[in-house]
PDB file of N, CA and C in Angstrom:
ATOM      1  N   MET A   1     -16.771  27.165 -10.372  1.00  0.00           N
ATOM      2  CA  MET A   1     -16.978  25.814 -10.875  1.00  0.00           C
ATOM      3  C   MET A   1     -15.643  25.201 -11.280  1.00  0.00           C
ATOM      4  N   GLU A   2     -15.446  23.990 -10.891  1.00  0.00           N
ATOM      5  CA  GLU A   2     -14.207  23.265 -11.177  1.00  0.00           C
ATOM      6  C   GLU A   2     -14.204  22.769 -12.620  1.00  0.00           C
ATOM      7  N   CYS A   3     -13.120  22.997 -13.320  1.00  0.00           N
ATOM      8  CA  CYS A   3     -12.977  22.517 -14.695  1.00  0.00           C
ATOM      9  C   CYS A   3     -12.477  21.079 -14.694  1.00  0.00           C
ATOM     10  N   THR A   4     -12.702  20.414 -15.795  1.00  0.00           N
ATOM     11  CA  THR A   4     -12.261  19.021 -15.929  1.00  0.00           C
ATOM     12  C   THR A   4     -11.257  18.890 -17.076  1.00  0.00           C
ATOM     13  N   ALA A   5     -10.530  17.789 -17.072  1.00  0.00           N
ATOM     14  CA  ALA A   5      -9.594  17.493 -18.156  1.00  0.00           C
ATOM     15  C   ALA A   5     -10.342  17.406 -19.484  1.00  0.00           C
ATOM     16  N   ASN A   6     -11.573  16.923 -19.441  1.00  0.00           N
ATOM     17  CA  ASN A   6     -12.369  16.826 -20.675  1.00  0.00           C
ATOM     18  C   ASN A   6     -12.622  18.205 -21.276  1.00  0.00           C
ATOM     19  N   GLU A   7     -12.952  19.177 -20.429  1.00  0.00           N
ATOM     20  CA  GLU A   7     -13.207  20.533 -20.925  1.00  0.00           C
ATOM     21  C   GLU A   7     -11.954  21.135 -21.562  1.00  0.00           C
ATOM     22  N   VAL A   8     -10.812  20.919 -20.932  1.00  0.00           N
ATOM     23  CA  VAL A   8      -9.552  21.430 -21.461  1.00  0.00           C
ATOM     24  C   VAL A   8      -9.242  20.760 -22.797  1.00  0.00           C
ATOM     25  N   ALA A   9      -9.394  19.445 -22.856  1.00  0.00           N
ATOM     26  CA  ALA A   9      -9.128  18.698 -24.088  1.00  0.00           C
ATOM     27  C   ALA A   9     -10.081  19.119 -25.206  1.00  0.00           C
ATOM     28  N   GLU A  10     -11.330  19.374 -24.875  1.00  0.00           N
ATOM     29  CA  GLU A  10     -12.303  19.830 -25.877  1.00  0.00           C
ATOM     30  C   GLU A  10     -11.900  21.186 -26.432  1.00  0.00           C
ATOM     31  N   TRP A  11     -11.403  22.071 -25.566  1.00  0.00           N
ATOM     32  CA  TRP A  11     -10.928  23.375 -26.040  1.00  0.00           C
ATOM     33  C   TRP A  11      -9.764  23.171 -27.014  1.00  0.00           C
ATOM     34  N   MET A  12      -8.806  22.320 -26.630  1.00  0.00           N
ATOM     35  CA  MET A  12      -7.653  22.053 -27.500  1.00  0.00           C
ATOM     36  C   MET A  12      -8.105  21.498 -28.844  1.00  0.00           C
ATOM     37  N   TYR A  13      -9.011  20.537 -28.813  1.00  0.00           N
ATOM     38  CA  TYR A  13      -9.528  19.917 -30.038  1.00  0.00           C
ATOM     39  C   TYR A  13     -10.171  20.971 -30.947  1.00  0.00           C
ATOM     40  N   ASN A  14     -11.029  21.801 -30.374  1.00  0.00           N
ATOM     41  CA  ASN A  14     -11.709  22.833 -31.165  1.00  0.00           C
ATOM     42  C   ASN A  14     -10.714  23.838 -31.744  1.00  0.00           C
ATOM     43  N   GLU A  15      -9.697  24.199 -30.974  1.00  0.00           N
ATOM     44  CA  GLU A  15      -8.683  25.143 -31.441  1.00  0.00           C
ATOM     45  C   GLU A  15      -7.899  24.590 -32.629  1.00  0.00           C
ATOM     46  N   VAL A  16      -7.378  23.383 -32.480  1.00  0.00           N
ATOM     47  CA  VAL A  16      -6.552  22.827 -33.552  1.00  0.00           C
ATOM     48  C   VAL A  16      -7.397  22.515 -34.784  1.00  0.00           C
ATOM     49  N   LYS A  17      -8.627  22.112 -34.588  1.00  0.00           N
ATOM     50  CA  LYS A  17      -9.508  21.827 -35.725  1.00  0.00           C
ATOM     51  C   LYS A  17      -9.842  23.115 -36.484  1.00  0.00           C
ATOM     52  N   ALA A  18     -10.138  24.182 -35.760  1.00  0.00           N
ATOM     53  CA  ALA A  18     -10.528  25.453 -36.389  1.00  0.00           C
ATOM     54  C   ALA A  18      -9.339  26.157 -37.043  1.00  0.00           C
ATOM     55  N   ALA A  19      -8.202  26.190 -36.351  1.00  0.00           N
ATOM     56  CA  ALA A  19      -7.046  26.953 -36.842  1.00  0.00           C
ATOM     57  C   ALA A  19      -6.074  26.115 -37.656  1.00  0.00           C
ATOM     58  N   GLY A  20      -6.137  24.788 -37.508  1.00  0.00           N
ATOM     59  CA  GLY A  20      -5.217  23.913 -38.214  1.00  0.00           C
ATOM     60  C   GLY A  20      -3.903  23.705 -37.484  1.00  0.00           C
ATOM     61  N   ILE A  21      -3.696  24.482 -36.417  1.00  0.00           N
ATOM     62  CA  ILE A  21      -2.450  24.400 -35.658  1.00  0.00           C
ATOM     63  C   ILE A  21      -2.702  24.907 -34.239  1.00  0.00           C
ATOM     64  N   LEU A  22      -2.004  24.306 -33.278  1.00  0.00           N
ATOM     65  CA  LEU A  22      -2.091  24.775 -31.893  1.00  0.00           C
ATOM     66  C   LEU A  22      -0.705  24.647 -31.279  1.00  0.00           C
ATOM     67  N   HIS A  23      -0.095  25.797 -31.016  1.00  0.00           N
ATOM     68  CA  HIS A  23       1.233  25.819 -30.404  1.00  0.00           C
ATOM     69  C   HIS A  23       1.138  25.511 -28.919  1.00  0.00           C
ATOM     70  N   GLN A  24       2.052  24.703 -28.434  1.00  0.00           N
ATOM     71  CA  GLN A  24       2.051  24.317 -27.024  1.00  0.00           C
ATOM     72  C   GLN A  24       2.117  25.548 -26.120  1.00  0.00           C
ATOM     73  N   SER A  25       2.955  26.532 -26.446  1.00  0.00           N
ATOM     74  CA  SER A  25       3.101  27.707 -25.584  1.00  0.00           C
ATOM     75  C   SER A  25       1.777  28.459 -25.454  1.00  0.00           C
ATOM     76  N   HIS A  26       1.050  28.609 -26.556  1.00  0.00           N
ATOM     77  CA  HIS A  26      -0.258  29.263 -26.511  1.00  0.00           C
ATOM     78  C   HIS A  26      -1.231  28.434 -25.683  1.00  0.00           C
ATOM     79  N   ALA A  27      -1.241  27.131 -25.904  1.00  0.00           N
ATOM     80  CA  ALA A  27      -2.153  26.250 -25.179  1.00  0.00           C
ATOM     81  C   ALA A  27      -1.890  26.308 -23.679  1.00  0.00           C
ATOM     82  N   VAL A  28      -0.621  26.247 -23.279  1.00  0.00           N
ATOM     83  CA  VAL A  28      -0.266  26.287 -21.855  1.00  0.00           C
ATOM     84  C   VAL A  28      -0.752  27.602 -21.229  1.00  0.00           C
ATOM     85  N   ASP A  29      -0.451  28.726 -21.880  1.00  0.00           N
ATOM     86  CA  ASP A  29      -0.875  30.034 -21.350  1.00  0.00           C
ATOM     87  C   ASP A  29      -2.391  30.112 -21.218  1.00  0.00           C
ATOM     88  N   TYR A  30      -3.092  29.688 -22.263  1.00  0.00           N
ATOM     89  CA  TYR A  30      -4.557  29.749 -22.254  1.00  0.00           C
ATOM     90  C   TYR A  30      -5.132  28.850 -21.168  1.00  0.00           C
ATOM     91  N   ILE A  31      -4.603  27.655 -21.058  1.00  0.00           N
ATOM     92  CA  ILE A  31      -5.112  26.702 -20.062  1.00  0.00           C
ATOM     93  C   ILE A  31      -4.930  27.245 -18.653  1.00  0.00           C
ATOM     94  N   VAL A  32      -3.752  27.787 -18.356  1.00  0.00           N
ATOM     95  CA  VAL A  32      -3.508  28.344 -17.017  1.00  0.00           C
ATOM     96  C   VAL A  32      -4.487  29.466 -16.718  1.00  0.00           C
ATOM     97  N   LYS A  33      -4.675  30.377 -17.678  1.00  0.00           N
ATOM     98  CA  LYS A  33      -5.543  31.544 -17.460  1.00  0.00           C
ATOM     99  C   LYS A  33      -7.016  31.180 -17.386  1.00  0.00           C
ATOM    100  N   ASN A  34      -7.444  30.198 -18.174  1.00  0.00           N
ATOM    101  CA  ASN A  34      -8.874  29.924 -18.315  1.00  0.00           C
ATOM    102  C   ASN A  34      -9.372  28.663 -17.613  1.00  0.00           C
ATOM    103  N   PHE A  35      -8.477  27.726 -17.341  1.00  0.00           N
ATOM    104  CA  PHE A  35      -8.890  26.474 -16.711  1.00  0.00           C
ATOM    105  C   PHE A  35      -8.171  26.215 -15.388  1.00  0.00           C
ATOM    106  N   GLY A  36      -6.986  26.798 -15.229  1.00  0.00           N
ATOM    107  CA  GLY A  36      -6.240  26.635 -13.988  1.00  0.00           C
ATOM    108  C   GLY A  36      -4.926  25.887 -14.179  1.00  0.00           C
ATOM    109  N   ALA A  37      -3.982  26.182 -13.288  1.00  0.00           N
ATOM    110  CA  ALA A  37      -2.642  25.601 -13.367  1.00  0.00           C
ATOM    111  C   ALA A  37      -2.612  24.106 -13.058  1.00  0.00           C
ATOM    112  N   ALA A  38      -3.683  23.572 -12.517  1.00  0.00           N
ATOM    113  CA  ALA A  38      -3.727  22.144 -12.182  1.00  0.00           C
ATOM    114  C   ALA A  38      -3.573  21.255 -13.413  1.00  0.00           C
ATOM    115  N   PHE A  39      -3.819  21.803 -14.606  1.00  0.00           N
ATOM    116  CA  PHE A  39      -3.739  21.016 -15.839  1.00  0.00           C
ATOM    117  C   PHE A  39      -2.371  21.104 -16.511  1.00  0.00           C
ATOM    118  N   ILE A  40      -1.427  21.768 -15.843  1.00  0.00           N
ATOM    119  CA  ILE A  40      -0.085  21.976 -16.380  1.00  0.00           C
ATOM    120  C   ILE A  40       0.926  21.404 -15.388  1.00  0.00           C
ATOM    121  N   TYR A  41       2.019  20.868 -15.909  1.00  0.00           N
ATOM    122  CA  TYR A  41       3.118  20.422 -15.054  1.00  0.00           C
ATOM    123  C   TYR A  41       4.433  20.815 -15.714  1.00  0.00           C
ATOM    124  N   VAL A  42       5.516  20.764 -14.966  1.00  0.00           N
ATOM    125  CA  VAL A  42       6.841  21.039 -15.511  1.00  0.00           C
ATOM    126  C   VAL A  42       7.491  19.698 -15.830  1.00  0.00           C
ATOM    127  N   ASN A  43       7.874  19.524 -17.095  1.00  0.00           N
ATOM    128  CA  ASN A  43       8.437  18.231 -17.518  1.00  0.00           C
ATOM    129  C   ASN A  43       9.916  18.116 -17.141  1.00  0.00           C
ATOM    130  N   GLU A  44      10.515  16.995 -17.506  1.00  0.00           N
ATOM    131  CA  GLU A  44      11.902  16.711 -17.127  1.00  0.00           C
ATOM    132  C   GLU A  44      12.903  17.690 -17.732  1.00  0.00           C
ATOM    133  N   ASN A  45      12.510  18.402 -18.787  1.00  0.00           N
ATOM    134  CA  ASN A  45      13.381  19.405 -19.404  1.00  0.00           C
ATOM    135  C   ASN A  45      13.182  20.793 -18.805  1.00  0.00           C
ATOM    136  N   GLY A  46      12.277  20.894 -17.823  1.00  0.00           N
ATOM    137  CA  GLY A  46      12.015  22.176 -17.184  1.00  0.00           C
ATOM    138  C   GLY A  46      11.006  23.040 -17.922  1.00  0.00           C
ATOM    139  N   ASN A  47      10.319  22.461 -18.899  1.00  0.00           N
ATOM    140  CA  ASN A  47       9.321  23.207 -19.675  1.00  0.00           C
ATOM    141  C   ASN A  47       7.918  22.915 -19.162  1.00  0.00           C
ATOM    142  N   LYS A  48       7.053  23.911 -19.276  1.00  0.00           N
ATOM    143  CA  LYS A  48       5.649  23.698 -18.916  1.00  0.00           C
ATOM    144  C   LYS A  48       5.003  22.828 -19.974  1.00  0.00           C
ATOM    145  N   SER A  49       4.241  21.857 -19.516  1.00  0.00           N
ATOM    146  CA  SER A  49       3.594  20.918 -20.417  1.00  0.00           C
ATOM    147  C   SER A  49       2.150  20.697 -19.981  1.00  0.00           C
ATOM    148  N   ILE A  50       1.353  20.210 -20.897  1.00  0.00           N
ATOM    149  CA  ILE A  50      -0.055  19.934 -20.626  1.00  0.00           C
ATOM    150  C   ILE A  50      -0.160  18.579 -19.939  1.00  0.00           C
ATOM    151  N   GLY A  51      -0.992  18.513 -18.923  1.00  0.00           N
ATOM    152  CA  GLY A  51      -1.141  17.310 -18.127  1.00  0.00           C
ATOM    153  C   GLY A  51      -1.494  16.069 -18.933  1.00  0.00           C
ATOM    154  N   LYS A  52      -1.042  14.941 -18.455  1.00  0.00           N
ATOM    155  CA  LYS A  52      -1.219  13.672 -19.162  1.00  0.00           C
ATOM    156  C   LYS A  52      -2.687  13.296 -19.346  1.00  0.00           C
ATOM    157  N   GLU A  53      -3.521  13.568 -18.352  1.00  0.00           N
ATOM    158  CA  GLU A  53      -4.947  13.239 -18.472  1.00  0.00           C
ATOM    159  C   GLU A  53      -5.594  14.060 -19.587  1.00  0.00           C
ATOM    160  N   VAL A  54      -5.236  15.343 -19.679  1.00  0.00           N
ATOM    161  CA  VAL A  54      -5.764  16.199 -20.746  1.00  0.00           C
ATOM    162  C   VAL A  54      -5.320  15.662 -22.096  1.00  0.00           C
ATOM    163  N   LYS A  55      -4.045  15.314 -22.221  1.00  0.00           N
ATOM    164  CA  LYS A  55      -3.545  14.814 -23.504  1.00  0.00           C
ATOM    165  C   LYS A  55      -4.190  13.484 -23.876  1.00  0.00           C
ATOM    166  N   LYS A  56      -4.477  12.667 -22.887  1.00  0.00           N
ATOM    167  CA  LYS A  56      -5.139  11.381 -23.145  1.00  0.00           C
ATOM    168  C   LYS A  56      -6.537  11.606 -23.736  1.00  0.00           C
ATOM    169  N   VAL A  57      -7.300  12.516 -23.143  1.00  0.00           N
ATOM    170  CA  VAL A  57      -8.647  12.822 -23.649  1.00  0.00           C
ATOM    171  C   VAL A  57      -8.551  13.479 -25.025  1.00  0.00           C
ATOM    172  N   PHE A  58      -7.603  14.406 -25.186  1.00  0.00           N
ATOM    173  CA  PHE A  58      -7.398  15.093 -26.463  1.00  0.00           C
ATOM    174  C   PHE A  58      -7.117  14.079 -27.573  1.00  0.00           C
ATOM    175  N   LYS A  59      -6.279  13.091 -27.277  1.00  0.00           N
ATOM    176  CA  LYS A  59      -5.944  12.061 -28.264  1.00  0.00           C
ATOM    177  C   LYS A  59      -7.188  11.288 -28.690  1.00  0.00           C
ATOM    178  N   LYS A  60      -8.058  10.964 -27.722  1.00  0.00           N
ATOM    179  CA  LYS A  60      -9.311  10.263 -28.052  1.00  0.00           C
ATOM    180  C   LYS A  60     -10.198  11.134 -28.936  1.00  0.00           C
ATOM    181  N   LEU A  61     -10.268  12.429 -28.615  1.00  0.00           N
ATOM    182  CA  LEU A  61     -11.137  13.338 -29.367  1.00  0.00           C
ATOM    183  C   LEU A  61     -10.685  13.482 -30.817  1.00  0.00           C
ATOM    184  N   HIS A  62      -9.386  13.660 -31.038  1.00  0.00           N
ATOM    185  CA  HIS A  62      -8.939  13.894 -32.414  1.00  0.00           C
ATOM    186  C   HIS A  62      -8.767  12.601 -33.202  1.00  0.00           C
ATOM    187  N   GLY A  63      -8.676  11.482 -32.532  1.00  0.00           N
ATOM    188  CA  GLY A  63      -8.638  10.194 -33.222  1.00  0.00           C
ATOM    189  C   GLY A  63      -7.594  10.081 -34.313  1.00  0.00           C
ATOM    190  N   GLY A  64      -6.434  10.679 -34.104  1.00  0.00           N
ATOM    191  CA  GLY A  64      -5.362  10.592 -35.090  1.00  0.00           C
ATOM    192  C   GLY A  64      -5.357  11.701 -36.123  1.00  0.00           C
ATOM    193  N   ARG A  65      -6.312  12.616 -36.047  1.00  0.00           N
ATOM    194  CA  ARG A  65      -6.372  13.698 -37.035  1.00  0.00           C
ATOM    195  C   ARG A  65      -5.475  14.876 -36.691  1.00  0.00           C
ATOM    196  N   ALA A  66      -4.927  14.893 -35.461  1.00  0.00           N
ATOM    197  CA  ALA A  66      -3.966  15.922 -35.081  1.00  0.00           C
ATOM    198  C   ALA A  66      -2.645  15.235 -34.791  1.00  0.00           C
ATOM    199  N   ALA A  67      -1.569  15.817 -35.287  1.00  0.00           N
ATOM    200  CA  ALA A  67      -0.242  15.232 -35.092  1.00  0.00           C
ATOM    201  C   ALA A  67       0.647  16.215 -34.344  1.00  0.00           C
ATOM    202  N   TRP A  68       1.447  15.696 -33.431  1.00  0.00           N
ATOM    203  CA  TRP A  68       2.386  16.515 -32.661  1.00  0.00           C
ATOM    204  C   TRP A  68       3.645  16.712 -33.483  1.00  0.00           C
ATOM    205  N   GLU A  69       4.037  17.964 -33.668  1.00  0.00           N
ATOM    206  CA  GLU A  69       5.273  18.304 -34.371  1.00  0.00           C
ATOM    207  C   GLU A  69       6.325  18.616 -33.314  1.00  0.00           C
ATOM    208  N   ARG A  70       7.160  17.645 -33.034  1.00  0.00           N
ATOM    209  CA  ARG A  70       8.135  17.726 -31.938  1.00  0.00           C
ATOM    210  C   ARG A  70       9.088  18.909 -32.081  1.00  0.00           C
ATOM    211  N   ASP A  71       9.581  19.159 -33.285  1.00  0.00           N
ATOM    212  CA  ASP A  71      10.555  20.238 -33.475  1.00  0.00           C
ATOM    213  C   ASP A  71       9.941  21.627 -33.308  1.00  0.00           C
ATOM    214  N   GLY A  72       8.657  21.757 -33.657  1.00  0.00           N
ATOM    215  CA  GLY A  72       8.008  23.061 -33.567  1.00  0.00           C
ATOM    216  C   GLY A  72       7.147  23.251 -32.342  1.00  0.00           C
ATOM    217  N   PHE A  73       7.006  22.203 -31.534  1.00  0.00           N
ATOM    218  CA  PHE A  73       6.178  22.240 -30.325  1.00  0.00           C
ATOM    219  C   PHE A  73       4.748  22.694 -30.620  1.00  0.00           C
ATOM    220  N   PHE A  74       4.120  22.024 -31.594  1.00  0.00           N
ATOM    221  CA  PHE A  74       2.716  22.325 -31.902  1.00  0.00           C
ATOM    222  C   PHE A  74       2.011  21.073 -32.414  1.00  0.00           C
ATOM    223  N   TRP A  75       0.675  21.137 -32.367  1.00  0.00           N
ATOM    224  CA  TRP A  75      -0.158  20.112 -32.979  1.00  0.00           C
ATOM    225  C   TRP A  75      -0.659  20.675 -34.291  1.00  0.00           C
ATOM    226  N   GLY A  76      -0.690  19.849 -35.304  1.00  0.00           N
ATOM    227  CA  GLY A  76      -1.217  20.249 -36.595  1.00  0.00           C
ATOM    228  C   GLY A  76      -2.348  19.327 -37.019  1.00  0.00           C
ATOM    229  N   TRP A  77      -3.350  19.885 -37.629  1.00  0.00           N
ATOM    230  CA  TRP A  77      -4.516  19.120 -38.089  1.00  0.00           C
ATOM    231  C   TRP A  77      -4.226  18.570 -39.479  1.00  0.00           C
ATOM    232  N   HIS A  78      -4.572  17.311 -39.691  1.00  0.00           N
ATOM    233  CA  HIS A  78      -4.390  16.736 -41.049  1.00  0.00           C
ATOM    234  C   HIS A  78      -5.493  15.778 -41.374  1.00  0.00           C
TER     235      HIS A  78
END
């Protein structure tokens, strides 16, 4: 069965809500293993990143309750 960006974003939302934090490296590894590499891309800095469609849905789901910590490469719940 093919996964969707919504399913990936829902996983991210549930993770950050439950744990209070979601590190990008953990999210990327989990997404590749459980949803597929199609949801990951290599950004301009050469780092693996979560696809824009997934992040767009994730942003709608958390509605501002999760914040990206640029220096630590994680989302934190607040």
